[in-house]
N, C-alpha and C. Protein backbone atom coordinates (compact mmCIF):
# COMPACT_ATOMS: atom_id res chain seq x y z
N SER A 1 92.81 80.23 102.05
CA SER A 1 92.43 79.81 100.71
C SER A 1 90.92 79.95 100.52
N PRO A 2 90.50 80.58 99.45
CA PRO A 2 89.06 80.69 99.20
C PRO A 2 88.43 79.38 98.74
N THR A 3 89.26 78.39 98.41
CA THR A 3 88.71 77.13 97.93
C THR A 3 88.86 75.99 98.93
N ASN A 4 89.71 76.16 99.96
CA ASN A 4 89.92 75.10 100.95
C ASN A 4 90.22 75.74 102.30
N HIS A 5 89.28 75.67 103.22
CA HIS A 5 89.43 76.35 104.51
C HIS A 5 90.57 75.78 105.36
N LYS A 6 91.10 74.62 104.99
CA LYS A 6 92.20 74.03 105.75
C LYS A 6 93.57 74.54 105.29
N GLU A 7 93.61 75.26 104.19
CA GLU A 7 94.86 75.79 103.66
C GLU A 7 95.01 77.26 104.01
N THR A 8 96.26 77.67 104.25
CA THR A 8 96.58 79.07 104.49
C THR A 8 97.57 79.52 103.43
N HIS A 9 97.30 80.65 102.83
CA HIS A 9 98.18 81.22 101.81
C HIS A 9 98.64 82.59 102.26
N ILE A 10 99.84 82.97 101.86
CA ILE A 10 100.33 84.32 102.12
C ILE A 10 100.43 85.03 100.79
N LYS A 11 99.68 86.11 100.65
CA LYS A 11 99.62 86.87 99.40
C LYS A 11 99.68 88.36 99.71
N ARG A 12 100.00 89.14 98.71
CA ARG A 12 99.96 90.60 98.83
C ARG A 12 98.58 91.09 98.43
N ILE A 13 98.06 92.05 99.18
CA ILE A 13 96.81 92.68 98.78
C ILE A 13 97.16 93.72 97.72
N ALA A 14 96.62 93.54 96.52
CA ALA A 14 96.95 94.42 95.41
C ALA A 14 95.87 95.47 95.16
N ALA A 15 94.63 95.18 95.54
CA ALA A 15 93.54 96.14 95.32
C ALA A 15 92.44 95.90 96.35
N LEU A 16 91.79 96.98 96.73
CA LEU A 16 90.73 96.96 97.75
C LEU A 16 89.37 97.25 97.13
N PRO A 17 88.30 97.11 97.93
CA PRO A 17 86.95 97.33 97.40
C PRO A 17 86.81 98.69 96.71
N GLY A 18 86.18 98.67 95.55
CA GLY A 18 85.93 99.89 94.81
C GLY A 18 87.06 100.32 93.89
N GLU A 19 88.25 99.76 94.08
CA GLU A 19 89.38 100.13 93.22
C GLU A 19 89.29 99.37 91.90
N TRP A 20 89.87 99.99 90.87
CA TRP A 20 89.98 99.33 89.56
C TRP A 20 91.35 98.69 89.50
N TYR A 21 91.42 97.48 88.95
CA TYR A 21 92.69 96.77 88.91
C TYR A 21 92.89 96.13 87.55
N GLY A 22 94.04 96.38 86.97
CA GLY A 22 94.39 95.77 85.69
C GLY A 22 95.19 94.52 85.93
N THR A 23 94.68 93.40 85.47
CA THR A 23 95.40 92.14 85.66
C THR A 23 96.66 92.14 84.80
N HIS A 24 97.71 91.47 85.28
CA HIS A 24 98.99 91.49 84.59
C HIS A 24 99.00 90.61 83.34
N ASP A 25 98.34 89.46 83.40
CA ASP A 25 98.40 88.51 82.29
C ASP A 25 97.42 88.83 81.18
N LYS A 26 96.40 89.62 81.50
CA LYS A 26 95.38 89.93 80.51
C LYS A 26 95.27 91.44 80.38
N SER A 27 94.52 91.87 79.43
CA SER A 27 94.30 93.30 79.28
C SER A 27 93.01 93.72 80.00
N ASP A 28 92.48 92.83 80.84
CA ASP A 28 91.24 93.13 81.57
C ASP A 28 91.49 94.12 82.70
N VAL A 29 90.51 94.98 82.92
CA VAL A 29 90.51 95.86 84.08
C VAL A 29 89.19 95.59 84.79
N ILE A 30 89.27 95.30 86.09
CA ILE A 30 88.05 94.98 86.83
C ILE A 30 87.92 95.92 88.03
N GLN A 31 86.70 96.12 88.47
CA GLN A 31 86.47 96.87 89.70
C GLN A 31 86.26 95.85 90.81
N ILE A 32 86.99 96.03 91.90
CA ILE A 32 86.91 95.10 93.02
C ILE A 32 85.58 95.34 93.73
N PRO A 33 84.76 94.30 93.91
CA PRO A 33 83.46 94.48 94.54
C PRO A 33 83.56 94.81 96.03
N SER A 34 82.52 95.38 96.55
CA SER A 34 82.45 95.70 97.98
C SER A 34 82.70 94.44 98.80
N GLY A 35 83.49 94.59 99.87
CA GLY A 35 83.75 93.46 100.77
C GLY A 35 84.78 92.47 100.26
N HIS A 36 85.48 92.81 99.18
CA HIS A 36 86.46 91.91 98.58
C HIS A 36 87.79 92.63 98.35
N CYS A 37 88.83 91.85 98.04
CA CYS A 37 90.12 92.41 97.65
C CYS A 37 90.75 91.51 96.60
N TRP A 38 91.77 92.02 95.94
CA TRP A 38 92.51 91.26 94.93
C TRP A 38 93.87 90.93 95.54
N VAL A 39 94.26 89.65 95.53
CA VAL A 39 95.54 89.24 96.11
C VAL A 39 96.41 88.60 95.04
N GLU A 40 97.73 88.77 95.20
CA GLU A 40 98.68 88.17 94.26
C GLU A 40 99.88 87.65 95.02
N GLY A 41 100.45 86.57 94.50
CA GLY A 41 101.67 86.00 95.07
C GLY A 41 102.90 86.62 94.44
N ASP A 42 104.06 86.35 95.02
CA ASP A 42 105.31 86.91 94.52
C ASP A 42 105.73 86.30 93.19
N ASN A 43 105.46 85.02 92.97
CA ASN A 43 105.85 84.35 91.74
C ASN A 43 104.64 84.27 90.82
N SER A 44 104.47 85.29 90.00
CA SER A 44 103.26 85.38 89.18
C SER A 44 103.10 84.22 88.20
N ALA A 45 104.21 83.58 87.81
CA ALA A 45 104.12 82.48 86.86
C ALA A 45 103.51 81.23 87.46
N SER A 46 103.67 81.03 88.79
CA SER A 46 103.16 79.78 89.37
C SER A 46 102.29 80.00 90.61
N SER A 47 101.90 81.22 90.87
CA SER A 47 101.11 81.51 92.07
C SER A 47 99.62 81.25 91.85
N ILE A 48 99.01 80.61 92.84
CA ILE A 48 97.55 80.45 92.85
C ILE A 48 97.02 81.63 93.66
N ASP A 49 96.36 82.55 92.98
CA ASP A 49 95.92 83.77 93.63
C ASP A 49 94.68 84.31 92.93
N SER A 50 94.42 85.60 93.04
CA SER A 50 93.21 86.15 92.44
C SER A 50 93.18 86.01 90.92
N LYS A 51 94.33 85.83 90.30
CA LYS A 51 94.32 85.57 88.86
C LYS A 51 93.64 84.24 88.57
N SER A 52 93.67 83.33 89.56
CA SER A 52 93.03 82.02 89.41
C SER A 52 91.59 82.02 89.89
N PHE A 53 91.31 82.66 91.03
CA PHE A 53 89.97 82.57 91.62
C PHE A 53 89.24 83.89 91.77
N GLY A 54 89.81 84.99 91.28
CA GLY A 54 89.13 86.29 91.33
C GLY A 54 89.24 86.96 92.68
N PRO A 55 88.50 88.05 92.88
CA PRO A 55 88.55 88.76 94.15
C PRO A 55 88.11 87.85 95.29
N ILE A 56 88.74 88.02 96.47
CA ILE A 56 88.38 87.19 97.61
C ILE A 56 87.70 88.04 98.69
N PRO A 57 86.86 87.43 99.51
CA PRO A 57 86.21 88.17 100.59
C PRO A 57 87.24 88.68 101.60
N LEU A 58 87.07 89.92 102.06
CA LEU A 58 87.96 90.48 103.06
C LEU A 58 87.96 89.65 104.34
N GLY A 59 86.87 88.94 104.61
CA GLY A 59 86.78 88.11 105.80
C GLY A 59 87.79 86.98 105.84
N LEU A 60 88.41 86.65 104.69
CA LEU A 60 89.43 85.61 104.66
C LEU A 60 90.80 86.13 105.08
N ILE A 61 90.98 87.44 105.14
CA ILE A 61 92.26 88.02 105.53
C ILE A 61 92.41 87.82 107.04
N ARG A 62 93.49 87.15 107.44
CA ARG A 62 93.65 86.78 108.85
C ARG A 62 94.82 87.46 109.54
N GLY A 63 95.70 88.11 108.84
CA GLY A 63 96.86 88.72 109.49
C GLY A 63 97.76 89.40 108.50
N ARG A 64 98.95 89.74 108.99
CA ARG A 64 99.92 90.44 108.16
C ARG A 64 101.28 89.77 108.34
N ALA A 65 101.96 89.51 107.23
CA ALA A 65 103.30 88.94 107.30
C ALA A 65 104.27 90.01 107.79
N THR A 66 105.14 89.62 108.73
CA THR A 66 106.11 90.57 109.27
C THR A 66 107.55 90.21 108.92
N HIS A 67 107.80 88.93 108.61
CA HIS A 67 109.16 88.49 108.33
C HIS A 67 109.19 87.50 107.17
N VAL A 68 110.31 87.49 106.47
CA VAL A 68 110.59 86.53 105.40
C VAL A 68 111.48 85.46 106.00
N VAL A 69 111.14 84.19 105.78
CA VAL A 69 111.98 83.10 106.30
C VAL A 69 112.57 82.23 105.18
N TRP A 70 112.11 82.44 103.96
CA TRP A 70 112.66 81.67 102.84
C TRP A 70 112.63 82.51 101.60
N PRO A 71 113.62 82.54 100.80
CA PRO A 71 114.88 81.81 100.89
C PRO A 71 115.81 82.42 101.95
N PRO A 72 116.79 81.64 102.42
CA PRO A 72 117.65 82.10 103.51
C PRO A 72 118.32 83.45 103.28
N GLN A 73 118.66 83.76 102.05
CA GLN A 73 119.33 85.04 101.79
C GLN A 73 118.39 86.24 101.97
N ARG A 74 117.09 85.98 102.11
CA ARG A 74 116.12 87.07 102.32
C ARG A 74 115.56 87.10 103.74
N ILE A 75 116.06 86.27 104.65
CA ILE A 75 115.55 86.23 106.01
C ILE A 75 115.63 87.62 106.63
N GLY A 76 114.54 88.03 107.24
CA GLY A 76 114.51 89.32 107.92
C GLY A 76 113.11 89.91 107.90
N ALA A 77 113.01 91.11 108.42
CA ALA A 77 111.72 91.79 108.48
C ALA A 77 111.26 92.18 107.08
N VAL A 78 109.95 92.13 106.88
CA VAL A 78 109.37 92.58 105.62
C VAL A 78 109.54 94.09 105.54
N LYS A 79 109.96 94.57 104.39
CA LYS A 79 110.06 96.01 104.21
C LYS A 79 108.66 96.60 104.33
N THR A 80 108.49 97.50 105.24
CA THR A 80 107.16 98.05 105.48
C THR A 80 106.90 99.24 104.57
N THR A 81 105.68 99.30 104.13
CA THR A 81 105.18 100.44 103.37
C THR A 81 103.86 100.81 104.01
N PRO A 82 103.47 102.07 103.89
CA PRO A 82 102.17 102.43 104.47
C PRO A 82 101.08 101.58 103.85
N PRO A 83 100.09 101.16 104.65
CA PRO A 83 99.00 100.36 104.07
C PRO A 83 98.26 101.18 103.04
N PRO A 84 97.70 100.52 102.02
CA PRO A 84 96.92 101.24 101.03
C PRO A 84 95.82 102.05 101.70
N GLN A 85 95.54 103.21 101.14
CA GLN A 85 94.49 104.05 101.70
C GLN A 85 93.18 103.27 101.79
N GLY A 86 92.59 103.27 102.95
CA GLY A 86 91.32 102.58 103.14
C GLY A 86 91.45 101.16 103.62
N LEU A 87 92.68 100.63 103.75
CA LEU A 87 92.83 99.24 104.16
C LEU A 87 92.26 99.00 105.55
N CYS A 88 92.61 99.85 106.51
CA CYS A 88 92.12 99.63 107.88
C CYS A 88 90.60 99.67 107.93
N SER A 89 90.01 100.66 107.30
CA SER A 89 88.55 100.74 107.33
C SER A 89 87.89 99.63 106.54
N ALA A 90 88.57 99.14 105.49
CA ALA A 90 88.01 98.05 104.70
C ALA A 90 87.98 96.75 105.48
N LEU A 91 88.95 96.58 106.40
CA LEU A 91 89.03 95.34 107.15
C LEU A 91 88.23 95.38 108.44
N GLU A 92 87.75 96.53 108.83
CA GLU A 92 86.98 96.64 110.08
C GLU A 92 85.55 96.20 109.89
């Protein structure tokens, strides 16, 4: 969490440094600043994510989700997709 270091959130990285990103709820398009990324939760109606606090520092990214444990009907490995171009170098 960018607002509370004691909290951990799991979000999808939607945009990396230098990329332009159009927010879903607004007609705004922003460029992600160097050293930051845009994150979003699965439930856009109630998720606390970059729509609430803006781009977050890449230094807050701590890992990668590999499995879904809730809801029970979705238990299993996360469907893998190739990481966005530049993700590895952005996190190094």
